[in-house]
């Protein structure tokens, strides 16, 4: 079934990128070469270049959790590592009242493990 959100809320590029991101992320291991879990902060930076240039990497909070995601100029969020939810890759309309306060942008992170970003990109 194609529901309301898919047919009316999200533009074609967002739906295409959500599907592409899901396929890309399915190829990646959950842990880095040192055995640490891959973080959303590095994952967003690794996957973003493979998607539409309309997305901006955004750091901040999802509810109370430190988080990073991709954001379109229209306010749509492409969350590549959804906090405590499945499926892992989500499209979220943050213009909707229900989600308006969930994703809160903050300053750019300074603790990005660039070696892990590059390692992830090499896996893709």
PDB file of N, CA and C in Angstrom:
ATOM      1  N   UNK A   1       0.839  -1.182   0.000  1.00  0.00           N
ATOM      2  CA  UNK A   1       0.000   0.000   0.000  1.00  0.00           C
ATOM      3  C   UNK A   1       0.884   1.246   0.000  1.00  0.00           C
ATOM      4  N   UNK A   2       0.490   2.218  -0.755  1.00  0.00           N
ATOM      5  CA  UNK A   2       1.153   3.524  -0.711  1.00  0.00           C
ATOM      6  C   UNK A   2       0.251   4.435   0.110  1.00  0.00           C
ATOM      7  N   UNK A   3       0.750   4.827   1.270  1.00  0.00           N
ATOM      8  CA  UNK A   3      -0.035   5.641   2.184  1.00  0.00           C
ATOM      9  C   UNK A   3       0.095   7.124   1.927  1.00  0.00           C
ATOM     10  N   UNK A   4      -0.566   7.888   2.765  1.00  0.00           N
ATOM     11  CA  UNK A   4      -0.610   9.340   2.627  1.00  0.00           C
ATOM     12  C   UNK A   4       0.789   9.965   2.637  1.00  0.00           C
ATOM     13  N   UNK A   5       1.612   9.593   3.633  1.00  0.00           N
ATOM     14  CA  UNK A   5       2.944  10.215   3.742  1.00  0.00           C
ATOM     15  C   UNK A   5       3.767   9.976   2.485  1.00  0.00           C
ATOM     16  N   UNK A   6       3.737   8.755   1.978  1.00  0.00           N
ATOM     17  CA  UNK A   6       4.529   8.443   0.785  1.00  0.00           C
ATOM     18  C   UNK A   6       4.009   9.177  -0.447  1.00  0.00           C
ATOM     19  N   UNK A   7       2.706   9.315  -0.558  1.00  0.00           N
ATOM     20  CA  UNK A   7       2.150   9.935  -1.765  1.00  0.00           C
ATOM     21  C   UNK A   7       2.007  11.454  -1.673  1.00  0.00           C
ATOM     22  N   UNK A   8       1.925  12.003  -0.446  1.00  0.00           N
ATOM     23  CA  UNK A   8       1.642  13.433  -0.314  1.00  0.00           C
ATOM     24  C   UNK A   8       2.681  14.254   0.448  1.00  0.00           C
ATOM     25  N   UNK A   9       3.388  13.638   1.373  1.00  0.00           N
ATOM     26  CA  UNK A   9       4.265  14.413   2.261  1.00  0.00           C
ATOM     27  C   UNK A   9       5.703  14.484   1.756  1.00  0.00           C
ATOM     28  N   UNK A  10       6.242  13.347   1.355  1.00  0.00           N
ATOM     29  CA  UNK A  10       7.664  13.282   1.020  1.00  0.00           C
ATOM     30  C   UNK A  10       7.906  13.409  -0.477  1.00  0.00           C
ATOM     31  N   UNK A  11       8.820  14.302  -0.875  1.00  0.00           N
ATOM     32  CA  UNK A  11       9.142  14.446  -2.302  1.00  0.00           C
ATOM     33  C   UNK A  11       9.880  13.215  -2.824  1.00  0.00           C
ATOM     34  N   UNK A  12       9.888  13.058  -4.131  1.00  0.00           N
ATOM     35  CA  UNK A  12      10.481  11.879  -4.769  1.00  0.00           C
ATOM     36  C   UNK A  12      11.948  11.687  -4.380  1.00  0.00           C
ATOM     37  N   UNK A  13      12.737  12.787  -4.333  1.00  0.00           N
ATOM     38  CA  UNK A  13      14.154  12.619  -4.000  1.00  0.00           C
ATOM     39  C   UNK A  13      14.330  12.030  -2.600  1.00  0.00           C
ATOM     40  N   UNK A  14      13.465  12.398  -1.669  1.00  0.00           N
ATOM     41  CA  UNK A  14      13.576  11.890  -0.301  1.00  0.00           C
ATOM     42  C   UNK A  14      13.269  10.395  -0.248  1.00  0.00           C
ATOM     43  N   UNK A  15      12.247   9.979  -0.964  1.00  0.00           N
ATOM     44  CA  UNK A  15      11.900   8.556  -1.011  1.00  0.00           C
ATOM     45  C   UNK A  15      13.006   7.751  -1.689  1.00  0.00           C
ATOM     46  N   UNK A  16      13.535   8.283  -2.781  1.00  0.00           N
ATOM     47  CA  UNK A  16      14.632   7.616  -3.489  1.00  0.00           C
ATOM     48  C   UNK A  16      15.849   7.497  -2.588  1.00  0.00           C
ATOM     49  N   UNK A  17      16.185   8.576  -1.887  1.00  0.00           N
ATOM     50  CA  UNK A  17      17.360   8.556  -1.008  1.00  0.00           C
ATOM     51  C   UNK A  17      17.160   7.662   0.208  1.00  0.00           C
ATOM     52  N   UNK A  18      15.949   7.594   0.722  1.00  0.00           N
ATOM     53  CA  UNK A  18      15.697   6.691   1.845  1.00  0.00           C
ATOM     54  C   UNK A  18      15.951   5.247   1.414  1.00  0.00           C
ATOM     55  N   UNK A  19      15.460   4.887   0.238  1.00  0.00           N
ATOM     56  CA  UNK A  19      15.663   3.520  -0.265  1.00  0.00           C
ATOM     57  C   UNK A  19      17.139   3.261  -0.543  1.00  0.00           C
ATOM     58  N   UNK A  20      17.824   4.235  -1.148  1.00  0.00           N
ATOM     59  CA  UNK A  20      19.251   4.082  -1.440  1.00  0.00           C
ATOM     60  C   UNK A  20      20.054   3.960  -0.147  1.00  0.00           C
ATOM     61  N   UNK A  21      19.757   4.801   0.828  1.00  0.00           N
ATOM     62  CA  UNK A  21      20.472   4.765   2.107  1.00  0.00           C
ATOM     63  C   UNK A  21      20.264   3.423   2.798  1.00  0.00           C
ATOM     64  N   UNK A  22      19.060   2.906   2.748  1.00  0.00           N
ATOM     65  CA  UNK A  22      18.780   1.604   3.356  1.00  0.00           C
ATOM     66  C   UNK A  22      19.647   0.523   2.728  1.00  0.00           C
ATOM     67  N   UNK A  23      19.744   0.533   1.413  1.00  0.00           N
ATOM     68  CA  UNK A  23      20.571  -0.472   0.714  1.00  0.00           C
ATOM     69  C   UNK A  23      22.048  -0.298   1.038  1.00  0.00           C
ATOM     70  N   UNK A  24      22.509   0.944   1.095  1.00  0.00           N
ATOM     71  CA  UNK A  24      23.912   1.192   1.422  1.00  0.00           C
ATOM     72  C   UNK A  24      24.238   0.711   2.830  1.00  0.00           C
ATOM     73  N   UNK A  25      23.398   1.059   3.778  1.00  0.00           N
ATOM     74  CA  UNK A  25      23.657   0.728   5.177  1.00  0.00           C
ATOM     75  C   UNK A  25      23.585  -0.775   5.419  1.00  0.00           C
ATOM     76  N   UNK A  26      22.764  -1.463   4.660  1.00  0.00           N
ATOM     77  CA  UNK A  26      22.693  -2.925   4.790  1.00  0.00           C
ATOM     78  C   UNK A  26      24.037  -3.589   4.485  1.00  0.00           C
ATOM     79  N   UNK A  27      24.884  -2.918   3.706  1.00  0.00           N
ATOM     80  CA  UNK A  27      26.199  -3.454   3.343  1.00  0.00           C
ATOM     81  C   UNK A  27      27.237  -3.280   4.448  1.00  0.00           C
ATOM     82  N   UNK A  28      26.961  -2.406   5.398  1.00  0.00           N
ATOM     83  CA  UNK A  28      27.977  -2.034   6.388  1.00  0.00           C
ATOM     84  C   UNK A  28      27.933  -2.919   7.630  1.00  0.00           C
ATOM     85  N   UNK A  29      29.108  -3.162   8.211  1.00  0.00           N
ATOM     86  CA  UNK A  29      29.135  -3.880   9.493  1.00  0.00           C
ATOM     87  C   UNK A  29      28.679  -2.946  10.611  1.00  0.00           C
ATOM     88  N   UNK A  30      28.189  -3.502  11.675  1.00  0.00           N
ATOM     89  CA  UNK A  30      27.731  -2.703  12.809  1.00  0.00           C
ATOM     90  C   UNK A  30      28.862  -2.195  13.685  1.00  0.00           C
ATOM     91  N   UNK A  31      30.019  -2.852  13.562  1.00  0.00           N
ATOM     92  CA  UNK A  31      31.170  -2.450  14.389  1.00  0.00           C
ATOM     93  C   UNK A  31      32.345  -2.071  13.504  1.00  0.00           C
ATOM     94  N   UNK A  32      33.169  -1.169  14.015  1.00  0.00           N
ATOM     95  CA  UNK A  32      34.348  -0.722  13.279  1.00  0.00           C
ATOM     96  C   UNK A  32      35.488  -1.726  13.458  1.00  0.00           C
ATOM     97  N   UNK A  33      36.634  -1.514  12.808  1.00  0.00           N
ATOM     98  CA  UNK A  33      37.741  -2.480  12.904  1.00  0.00           C
ATOM     99  C   UNK A  33      38.266  -2.695  14.331  1.00  0.00           C
ATOM    100  N   UNK A  34      38.010  -1.761  15.240  1.00  0.00           N
ATOM    101  CA  UNK A  34      38.440  -1.914  16.630  1.00  0.00           C
ATOM    102  C   UNK A  34      37.367  -2.583  17.493  1.00  0.00           C
ATOM    103  N   UNK A  35      36.255  -2.983  16.867  1.00  0.00           N
ATOM    104  CA  UNK A  35      35.192  -3.662  17.602  1.00  0.00           C
ATOM    105  C   UNK A  35      34.205  -2.737  18.303  1.00  0.00           C
ATOM    106  N   UNK A  36      34.288  -1.431  18.015  1.00  0.00           N
ATOM    107  CA  UNK A  36      33.353  -0.465  18.605  1.00  0.00           C
ATOM    108  C   UNK A  36      32.129  -0.323  17.694  1.00  0.00           C
ATOM    109  N   UNK A  37      30.973  -0.077  18.275  1.00  0.00           N
ATOM    110  CA  UNK A  37      29.783   0.141  17.468  1.00  0.00           C
ATOM    111  C   UNK A  37      29.970   1.372  16.590  1.00  0.00           C
ATOM    112  N   UNK A  38      29.533   1.286  15.357  1.00  0.00           N
ATOM    113  CA  UNK A  38      29.516   2.445  14.466  1.00  0.00           C
ATOM    114  C   UNK A  38      28.499   3.428  15.034  1.00  0.00           C
ATOM    115  N   UNK A  39      28.871   4.692  15.071  1.00  0.00           N
ATOM    116  CA  UNK A  39      27.983   5.720  15.629  1.00  0.00           C
ATOM    117  C   UNK A  39      27.224   6.436  14.506  1.00  0.00           C
ATOM    118  N   UNK A  40      26.079   6.973  14.856  1.00  0.00           N
ATOM    119  CA  UNK A  40      25.274   7.734  13.898  1.00  0.00           C
ATOM    120  C   UNK A  40      26.057   8.929  13.350  1.00  0.00           C
ATOM    121  N   UNK A  41      26.947   9.490  14.148  1.00  0.00           N
ATOM    122  CA  UNK A  41      27.697  10.680  13.764  1.00  0.00           C
ATOM    123  C   UNK A  41      28.609  10.400  12.568  1.00  0.00           C
ATOM    124  N   UNK A  42      29.275   9.258  12.589  1.00  0.00           N
ATOM    125  CA  UNK A  42      30.132   8.885  11.466  1.00  0.00           C
ATOM    126  C   UNK A  42      29.305   8.341  10.302  1.00  0.00           C
ATOM    127  N   UNK A  43      28.259   7.595  10.617  1.00  0.00           N
ATOM    128  CA  UNK A  43      27.420   7.003   9.563  1.00  0.00           C
ATOM    129  C   UNK A  43      26.803   8.085   8.685  1.00  0.00           C
ATOM    130  N   UNK A  44      26.275   9.135   9.273  1.00  0.00           N
ATOM    131  CA  UNK A  44      25.670  10.229   8.495  1.00  0.00           C
ATOM    132  C   UNK A  44      26.687  10.850   7.552  1.00  0.00           C
ATOM    133  N   UNK A  45      27.899  11.043   8.037  1.00  0.00           N
ATOM    134  CA  UNK A  45      28.937  11.658   7.213  1.00  0.00           C
ATOM    135  C   UNK A  45      29.451  10.718   6.125  1.00  0.00           C
ATOM    136  N   UNK A  46      29.418   9.432   6.392  1.00  0.00           N
ATOM    137  CA  UNK A  46      29.886   8.457   5.401  1.00  0.00           C
ATOM    138  C   UNK A  46      28.882   8.278   4.275  1.00  0.00           C
ATOM    139  N   UNK A  47      27.606   8.281   4.579  1.00  0.00           N
ATOM    140  CA  UNK A  47      26.570   7.980   3.587  1.00  0.00           C
ATOM    141  C   UNK A  47      26.132   9.218   2.802  1.00  0.00           C
ATOM    142  N   UNK A  48      26.168  10.385   3.398  1.00  0.00           N
ATOM    143  CA  UNK A  48      25.667  11.616   2.771  1.00  0.00           C
ATOM    144  C   UNK A  48      26.176  11.849   1.347  1.00  0.00           C
ATOM    145  N   UNK A  49      27.461  11.641   1.046  1.00  0.00           N
ATOM    146  CA  UNK A  49      27.933  11.914  -0.317  1.00  0.00           C
ATOM    147  C   UNK A  49      27.312  11.019  -1.397  1.00  0.00           C
ATOM    148  N   UNK A  50      26.692   9.929  -0.998  1.00  0.00           N
ATOM    149  CA  UNK A  50      26.086   9.008  -1.948  1.00  0.00           C
ATOM    150  C   UNK A  50      24.632   9.367  -2.253  1.00  0.00           C
ATOM    151  N   UNK A  51      24.125  10.413  -1.616  1.00  0.00           N
ATOM    152  CA  UNK A  51      22.724  10.795  -1.749  1.00  0.00           C
ATOM    153  C   UNK A  51      22.601  12.180  -2.382  1.00  0.00           C
ATOM    154  N   UNK A  52      21.379  12.655  -2.524  1.00  0.00           N
ATOM    155  CA  UNK A  52      21.114  13.969  -3.103  1.00  0.00           C
ATOM    156  C   UNK A  52      21.883  15.052  -2.339  1.00  0.00           C
ATOM    157  N   UNK A  53      22.384  16.050  -3.061  1.00  0.00           N
ATOM    158  CA  UNK A  53      23.099  17.152  -2.391  1.00  0.00           C
ATOM    159  C   UNK A  53      22.184  18.067  -1.584  1.00  0.00           C
ATOM    160  N   UNK A  54      20.894  17.814  -1.602  1.00  0.00           N
ATOM    161  CA  UNK A  54      19.962  18.641  -0.836  1.00  0.00           C
ATOM    162  C   UNK A  54      20.064  18.404   0.670  1.00  0.00           C
ATOM    163  N   UNK A  55      20.624  17.268   1.072  1.00  0.00           N
ATOM    164  CA  UNK A  55      20.711  16.939   2.498  1.00  0.00           C
ATOM    165  C   UNK A  55      21.886  17.652   3.151  1.00  0.00           C
ATOM    166  N   UNK A  56      21.676  18.074   4.376  1.00  0.00           N
ATOM    167  CA  UNK A  56      22.727  18.662   5.200  1.00  0.00           C
ATOM    168  C   UNK A  56      22.934  17.760   6.409  1.00  0.00           C
ATOM    169  N   UNK A  57      24.175  17.476   6.729  1.00  0.00           N
ATOM    170  CA  UNK A  57      24.472  16.697   7.936  1.00  0.00           C
ATOM    171  C   UNK A  57      24.174  17.591   9.134  1.00  0.00           C
ATOM    172  N   UNK A  58      23.397  17.070  10.057  1.00  0.00           N
ATOM    173  CA  UNK A  58      22.963  17.850  11.210  1.00  0.00           C
ATOM    174  C   UNK A  58      23.291  17.095  12.493  1.00  0.00           C
ATOM    175  N   UNK A  59      23.921  17.778  13.420  1.00  0.00           N
ATOM    176  CA  UNK A  59      24.219  17.226  14.738  1.00  0.00           C
ATOM    177  C   UNK A  59      23.299  17.874  15.748  1.00  0.00           C
ATOM    178  N   UNK A  60      22.942  17.111  16.763  1.00  0.00           N
ATOM    179  CA  UNK A  60      22.090  17.662  17.800  1.00  0.00           C
ATOM    180  C   UNK A  60      21.565  16.573  18.698  1.00  0.00           C
ATOM    181  N   UNK A  61      20.264  16.643  18.964  1.00  0.00           N
ATOM    182  CA  UNK A  61      19.626  15.674  19.850  1.00  0.00           C
ATOM    183  C   UNK A  61      18.361  15.138  19.203  1.00  0.00           C
ATOM    184  N   UNK A  62      18.161  13.840  19.379  1.00  0.00           N
ATOM    185  CA  UNK A  62      16.856  13.243  19.129  1.00  0.00           C
ATOM    186  C   UNK A  62      16.295  13.001  20.520  1.00  0.00           C
ATOM    187  N   UNK A  63      15.226  13.696  20.830  1.00  0.00           N
ATOM    188  CA  UNK A  63      14.690  13.701  22.194  1.00  0.00           C
ATOM    189  C   UNK A  63      15.833  14.091  23.141  1.00  0.00           C
ATOM    190  N   UNK A  64      16.319  13.160  23.973  1.00  0.00           N
ATOM    191  CA  UNK A  64      17.408  13.492  24.903  1.00  0.00           C
ATOM    192  C   UNK A  64      18.732  12.845  24.508  1.00  0.00           C
ATOM    193  N   UNK A  65      18.784  12.172  23.360  1.00  0.00           N
ATOM    194  CA  UNK A  65      19.995  11.447  22.931  1.00  0.00           C
ATOM    195  C   UNK A  65      20.816  12.273  21.964  1.00  0.00           C
ATOM    196  N   UNK A  66      22.123  12.308  22.191  1.00  0.00           N
ATOM    197  CA  UNK A  66      23.072  12.856  21.242  1.00  0.00           C
ATOM    198  C   UNK A  66      22.853  12.151  19.918  1.00  0.00           C
ATOM    199  N   UNK A  67      22.738  12.898  18.818  1.00  0.00           N
ATOM    200  CA  UNK A  67      22.393  12.241  17.556  1.00  0.00           C
ATOM    201  C   UNK A  67      22.868  13.074  16.375  1.00  0.00           C
ATOM    202  N   UNK A  68      22.986  12.413  15.215  1.00  0.00           N
ATOM    203  CA  UNK A  68      23.282  13.073  13.943  1.00  0.00           C
ATOM    204  C   UNK A  68      22.371  12.482  12.880  1.00  0.00           C
ATOM    205  N   UNK A  69      21.944  13.324  11.931  1.00  0.00           N
ATOM    206  CA  UNK A  69      21.026  12.900  10.883  1.00  0.00           C
ATOM    207  C   UNK A  69      21.210  13.804   9.672  1.00  0.00           C
ATOM    208  N   UNK A  70      20.464  13.528   8.609  1.00  0.00           N
ATOM    209  CA  UNK A  70      20.465  14.370   7.420  1.00  0.00           C
ATOM    210  C   UNK A  70      19.161  15.156   7.393  1.00  0.00           C
ATOM    211  N   UNK A  71      19.256  16.418   6.988  1.00  0.00           N
ATOM    212  CA  UNK A  71      18.085  17.292   6.975  1.00  0.00           C
ATOM    213  C   UNK A  71      17.984  17.990   5.630  1.00  0.00           C
ATOM    214  N   UNK A  72      16.771  18.017   5.090  1.00  0.00           N
ATOM    215  CA  UNK A  72      16.502  18.734   3.839  1.00  0.00           C
ATOM    216  C   UNK A  72      16.067  20.170   4.174  1.00  0.00           C
ATOM    217  N   UNK A  73      16.173  21.084   3.212  1.00  0.00           N
ATOM    218  CA  UNK A  73      15.758  22.476   3.476  1.00  0.00           C
ATOM    219  C   UNK A  73      14.293  22.598   3.892  1.00  0.00           C
ATOM    220  N   UNK A  74      13.485  21.634   3.518  1.00  0.00           N
ATOM    221  CA  UNK A  74      12.057  21.678   3.856  1.00  0.00           C
ATOM    222  C   UNK A  74      11.774  21.208   5.279  1.00  0.00           C
ATOM    223  N   UNK A  75      12.790  20.717   5.984  1.00  0.00           N
ATOM    224  CA  UNK A  75      12.597  20.226   7.343  1.00  0.00           C
ATOM    225  C   UNK A  75      12.444  18.716   7.430  1.00  0.00           C
ATOM    226  N   UNK A  76      12.450  18.052   6.298  1.00  0.00           N
ATOM    227  CA  UNK A  76      12.378  16.593   6.313  1.00  0.00           C
ATOM    228  C   UNK A  76      13.705  16.050   6.836  1.00  0.00           C
ATOM    229  N   UNK A  77      13.624  15.033   7.676  1.00  0.00           N
ATOM    230  CA  UNK A  77      14.802  14.378   8.229  1.00  0.00           C
ATOM    231  C   UNK A  77      14.937  12.992   7.617  1.00  0.00           C
ATOM    232  N   UNK A  78      16.149  12.674   7.200  1.00  0.00           N
ATOM    233  CA  UNK A  78      16.497  11.315   6.820  1.00  0.00           C
ATOM    234  C   UNK A  78      17.416  10.816   7.929  1.00  0.00           C
ATOM    235  N   UNK A  79      16.849  10.021   8.799  1.00  0.00           N
ATOM    236  CA  UNK A  79      17.574   9.495   9.955  1.00  0.00           C
ATOM    237  C   UNK A  79      18.146   8.147   9.565  1.00  0.00           C
ATOM    238  N   UNK A  80      19.466   8.060   9.533  1.00  0.00           N
ATOM    239  CA  UNK A  80      20.141   6.850   9.062  1.00  0.00           C
ATOM    240  C   UNK A  80      20.378   5.826  10.164  1.00  0.00           C
ATOM    241  N   UNK A  81      20.181   6.233  11.412  1.00  0.00           N
ATOM    242  CA  UNK A  81      20.443   5.337  12.543  1.00  0.00           C
ATOM    243  C   UNK A  81      19.432   5.689  13.633  1.00  0.00           C
ATOM    244  N   UNK A  82      18.167   5.447  13.339  1.00  0.00           N
ATOM    245  CA  UNK A  82      17.081   5.859  14.223  1.00  0.00           C
ATOM    246  C   UNK A  82      17.286   5.336  15.646  1.00  0.00           C
ATOM    247  N   UNK A  83      17.131   6.218  16.600  1.00  0.00           N
ATOM    248  CA  UNK A  83      17.360   5.901  18.004  1.00  0.00           C
ATOM    249  C   UNK A  83      16.225   5.015  18.531  1.00  0.00           C
ATOM    250  N   UNK A  84      16.569   3.793  18.918  1.00  0.00           N
ATOM    251  CA  UNK A  84      15.613   2.895  19.550  1.00  0.00           C
ATOM    252  C   UNK A  84      14.428   2.505  18.689  1.00  0.00           C
ATOM    253  N   UNK A  85      14.598   2.509  17.365  1.00  0.00           N
ATOM    254  CA  UNK A  85      13.489   2.200  16.464  1.00  0.00           C
ATOM    255  C   UNK A  85      13.953   1.318  15.317  1.00  0.00           C
ATOM    256  N   UNK A  86      13.033   0.605  14.773  1.00  0.00           N
ATOM    257  CA  UNK A  86      13.242  -0.126  13.530  1.00  0.00           C
ATOM    258  C   UNK A  86      12.068   0.209  12.624  1.00  0.00           C
ATOM    259  N   UNK A  87      12.282   0.324  11.338  1.00  0.00           N
ATOM    260  CA  UNK A  87      13.554   0.127  10.659  1.00  0.00           C
ATOM    261  C   UNK A  87      14.564   1.209  11.040  1.00  0.00           C
ATOM    262  N   UNK A  88      15.800   0.903  10.773  1.00  0.00           N
ATOM    263  CA  UNK A  88      16.885   1.795  11.167  1.00  0.00           C
ATOM    264  C   UNK A  88      16.864   3.104  10.395  1.00  0.00           C
ATOM    265  N   UNK A  89      16.541   3.055   9.112  1.00  0.00           N
ATOM    266  CA  UNK A  89      16.516   4.257   8.279  1.00  0.00           C
ATOM    267  C   UNK A  89      15.074   4.768   8.212  1.00  0.00           C
ATOM    268  N   UNK A  90      14.894   6.021   8.617  1.00  0.00           N
ATOM    269  CA  UNK A  90      13.552   6.610   8.650  1.00  0.00           C
ATOM    270  C   UNK A  90      13.517   7.953   7.937  1.00  0.00           C
ATOM    271  N   UNK A  91      12.392   8.231   7.305  1.00  0.00           N
ATOM    272  CA  UNK A  91      12.089   9.581   6.822  1.00  0.00           C
ATOM    273  C   UNK A  91      11.100  10.172   7.807  1.00  0.00           C
ATOM    274  N   UNK A  92      11.361  11.389   8.243  1.00  0.00           N
ATOM    275  CA  UNK A  92      10.503  12.005   9.249  1.00  0.00           C
ATOM    276  C   UNK A  92      10.151  13.425   8.802  1.00  0.00           C
ATOM    277  N   UNK A  93       8.878  13.729   8.831  1.00  0.00           N
ATOM    278  CA  UNK A  93       8.409  15.078   8.532  1.00  0.00           C
ATOM    279  C   UNK A  93       8.408  15.872   9.829  1.00  0.00           C
ATOM    280  N   UNK A  94       9.444  16.657  10.056  1.00  0.00           N
ATOM    281  CA  UNK A  94       9.527  17.414  11.312  1.00  0.00           C
ATOM    282  C   UNK A  94       8.631  18.655  11.304  1.00  0.00           C
ATOM    283  N   UNK A  95       7.946  18.873  10.204  1.00  0.00           N
ATOM    284  CA  UNK A  95       6.953  19.947  10.174  1.00  0.00           C
ATOM    285  C   UNK A  95       5.655  19.503  10.841  1.00  0.00           C
ATOM    286  N   UNK A  96       5.474  18.195  10.963  1.00  0.00           N
ATOM    287  CA  UNK A  96       4.276  17.664  11.619  1.00  0.00           C
ATOM    288  C   UNK A  96       4.386  17.896  13.124  1.00  0.00           C
ATOM    289  N   UNK A  97       3.317  18.244  13.736  1.00  0.00           N
ATOM    290  CA  UNK A  97       3.293  18.564  15.164  1.00  0.00           C
ATOM    291  C   UNK A  97       3.892  17.453  16.024  1.00  0.00           C
ATOM    292  N   UNK A  98       3.623  16.212  15.660  1.00  0.00           N
ATOM    293  CA  UNK A  98       4.094  15.061  16.424  1.00  0.00           C
ATOM    294  C   UNK A  98       5.625  15.009  16.518  1.00  0.00           C
ATOM    295  N   UNK A  99       6.321  15.415  15.477  1.00  0.00           N
ATOM    296  CA  UNK A  99       7.784  15.283  15.426  1.00  0.00           C
ATOM    297  C   UNK A  99       8.533  16.615  15.535  1.00  0.00           C
ATOM    298  N   UNK A 100       7.818  17.695  15.690  1.00  0.00           N
ATOM    299  CA  UNK A 100       8.436  19.021  15.620  1.00  0.00           C
ATOM    300  C   UNK A 100       9.587  19.210  16.596  1.00  0.00           C
ATOM    301  N   UNK A 101       9.460  18.713  17.819  1.00  0.00           N
ATOM    302  CA  UNK A 101      10.480  18.944  18.841  1.00  0.00           C
ATOM    303  C   UNK A 101      11.440  17.771  19.013  1.00  0.00           C
ATOM    304  N   UNK A 102      11.232  16.685  18.299  1.00  0.00           N
ATOM    305  CA  UNK A 102      12.060  15.491  18.520  1.00  0.00           C
ATOM    306  C   UNK A 102      13.499  15.679  18.049  1.00  0.00           C
ATOM    307  N   UNK A 103      13.690  16.292  16.890  1.00  0.00           N
ATOM    308  CA  UNK A 103      15.034  16.501  16.323  1.00  0.00           C
ATOM    309  C   UNK A 103      15.428  17.946  16.574  1.00  0.00           C
ATOM    310  N   UNK A 104      16.426  18.131  17.433  1.00  0.00           N
ATOM    311  CA  UNK A 104      16.859  19.471  17.804  1.00  0.00           C
ATOM    312  C   UNK A 104      18.309  19.699  17.384  1.00  0.00           C
ATOM    313  N   UNK A 105      18.534  20.480  16.338  1.00  0.00           N
ATOM    314  CA  UNK A 105      19.903  20.760  15.902  1.00  0.00           C
ATOM    315  C   UNK A 105      20.689  21.524  16.969  1.00  0.00           C
ATOM    316  N   UNK A 106      21.979  21.247  17.014  1.00  0.00           N
ATOM    317  CA  UNK A 106      22.905  21.942  17.907  1.00  0.00           C
ATOM    318  C   UNK A 106      24.164  22.267  17.097  1.00  0.00           C
ATOM    319  N   UNK A 107      25.202  22.683  17.777  1.00  0.00           N
ATOM    320  CA  UNK A 107      26.466  22.982  17.106  1.00  0.00           C
ATOM    321  C   UNK A 107      27.064  21.730  16.482  1.00  0.00           C
ATOM    322  N   UNK A 108      27.892  21.953  15.481  1.00  0.00           N
ATOM    323  CA  UNK A 108      28.582  20.861  14.794  1.00  0.00           C
ATOM    324  C   UNK A 108      29.470  20.108  15.787  1.00  0.00           C
ATOM    325  N   UNK A 109      29.434  18.788  15.713  1.00  0.00           N
ATOM    326  CA  UNK A 109      30.257  17.961  16.613  1.00  0.00           C
ATOM    327  C   UNK A 109      31.736  18.147  16.300  1.00  0.00           C
ATOM    328  N   UNK A 110      32.561  17.990  17.321  1.00  0.00           N
ATOM    329  CA  UNK A 110      34.018  18.115  17.157  1.00  0.00           C
ATOM    330  C   UNK A 110      34.727  16.798  17.435  1.00  0.00           C
ATOM    331  N   UNK A 111      33.965  15.739  17.677  1.00  0.00           N
ATOM    332  CA  UNK A 111      34.576  14.453  18.025  1.00  0.00           C
ATOM    333  C   UNK A 111      34.366  13.391  16.937  1.00  0.00           C
ATOM    334  N   UNK A 112      34.238  13.832  15.702  1.00  0.00           N
ATOM    335  CA  UNK A 112      34.014  12.885  14.603  1.00  0.00           C
ATOM    336  C   UNK A 112      35.287  12.101  14.351  1.00  0.00           C
ATOM    337  N   UNK A 113      35.132  10.797  14.280  1.00  0.00           N
ATOM    338  CA  UNK A 113      36.264   9.919  13.977  1.00  0.00           C
ATOM    339  C   UNK A 113      36.376   9.818  12.452  1.00  0.00           C
ATOM    340  N   UNK A 114      37.164  10.721  11.877  1.00  0.00           N
ATOM    341  CA  UNK A 114      37.289  10.802  10.414  1.00  0.00           C
ATOM    342  C   UNK A 114      37.819   9.506   9.808  1.00  0.00           C
ATOM    343  N   UNK A 115      38.671   8.797  10.544  1.00  0.00           N
ATOM    344  CA  UNK A 115      39.172   7.524  10.030  1.00  0.00           C
ATOM    345  C   UNK A 115      38.038   6.515   9.861  1.00  0.00           C
ATOM    346  N   UNK A 116      37.050   6.569  10.731  1.00  0.00           N
ATOM    347  CA  UNK A 116      35.903   5.660  10.638  1.00  0.00           C
ATOM    348  C   UNK A 116      34.995   6.093   9.492  1.00  0.00           C
ATOM    349  N   UNK A 117      34.823   7.395   9.298  1.00  0.00           N
ATOM    350  CA  UNK A 117      34.033   7.899   8.159  1.00  0.00           C
ATOM    351  C   UNK A 117      34.648   7.380   6.861  1.00  0.00           C
ATOM    352  N   UNK A 118      35.963   7.514   6.723  1.00  0.00           N
ATOM    353  CA  UNK A 118      36.638   7.044   5.514  1.00  0.00           C
ATOM    354  C   UNK A 118      36.551   5.539   5.362  1.00  0.00           C
ATOM    355  N   UNK A 119      36.684   4.821   6.443  1.00  0.00           N
ATOM    356  CA  UNK A 119      36.581   3.360   6.417  1.00  0.00           C
ATOM    357  C   UNK A 119      35.185   2.936   5.969  1.00  0.00           C
ATOM    358  N   UNK A 120      34.153   3.586   6.502  1.00  0.00           N
ATOM    359  CA  UNK A 120      32.774   3.282   6.098  1.00  0.00           C
ATOM    360  C   UNK A 120      32.559   3.560   4.621  1.00  0.00           C
ATOM    361  N   UNK A 121      33.029   4.715   4.160  1.00  0.00           N
ATOM    362  CA  UNK A 121      32.881   5.042   2.728  1.00  0.00           C
ATOM    363  C   UNK A 121      33.558   4.012   1.849  1.00  0.00           C
ATOM    364  N   UNK A 122      34.711   3.522   2.274  1.00  0.00           N
ATOM    365  CA  UNK A 122      35.434   2.506   1.500  1.00  0.00           C
ATOM    366  C   UNK A 122      34.628   1.201   1.414  1.00  0.00           C
ATOM    367  N   UNK A 123      33.795   0.942   2.423  1.00  0.00           N
ATOM    368  CA  UNK A 123      32.956  -0.265   2.411  1.00  0.00           C
ATOM    369  C   UNK A 123      31.826  -0.152   1.389  1.00  0.00           C
ATOM    370  N   UNK A 124      31.487   1.082   1.045  1.00  0.00           N
ATOM    371  CA  UNK A 124      30.373   1.313   0.123  1.00  0.00           C
ATOM    372  C   UNK A 124      30.846   1.327  -1.311  1.00  0.00           C
TER     373      UNK A 124
END
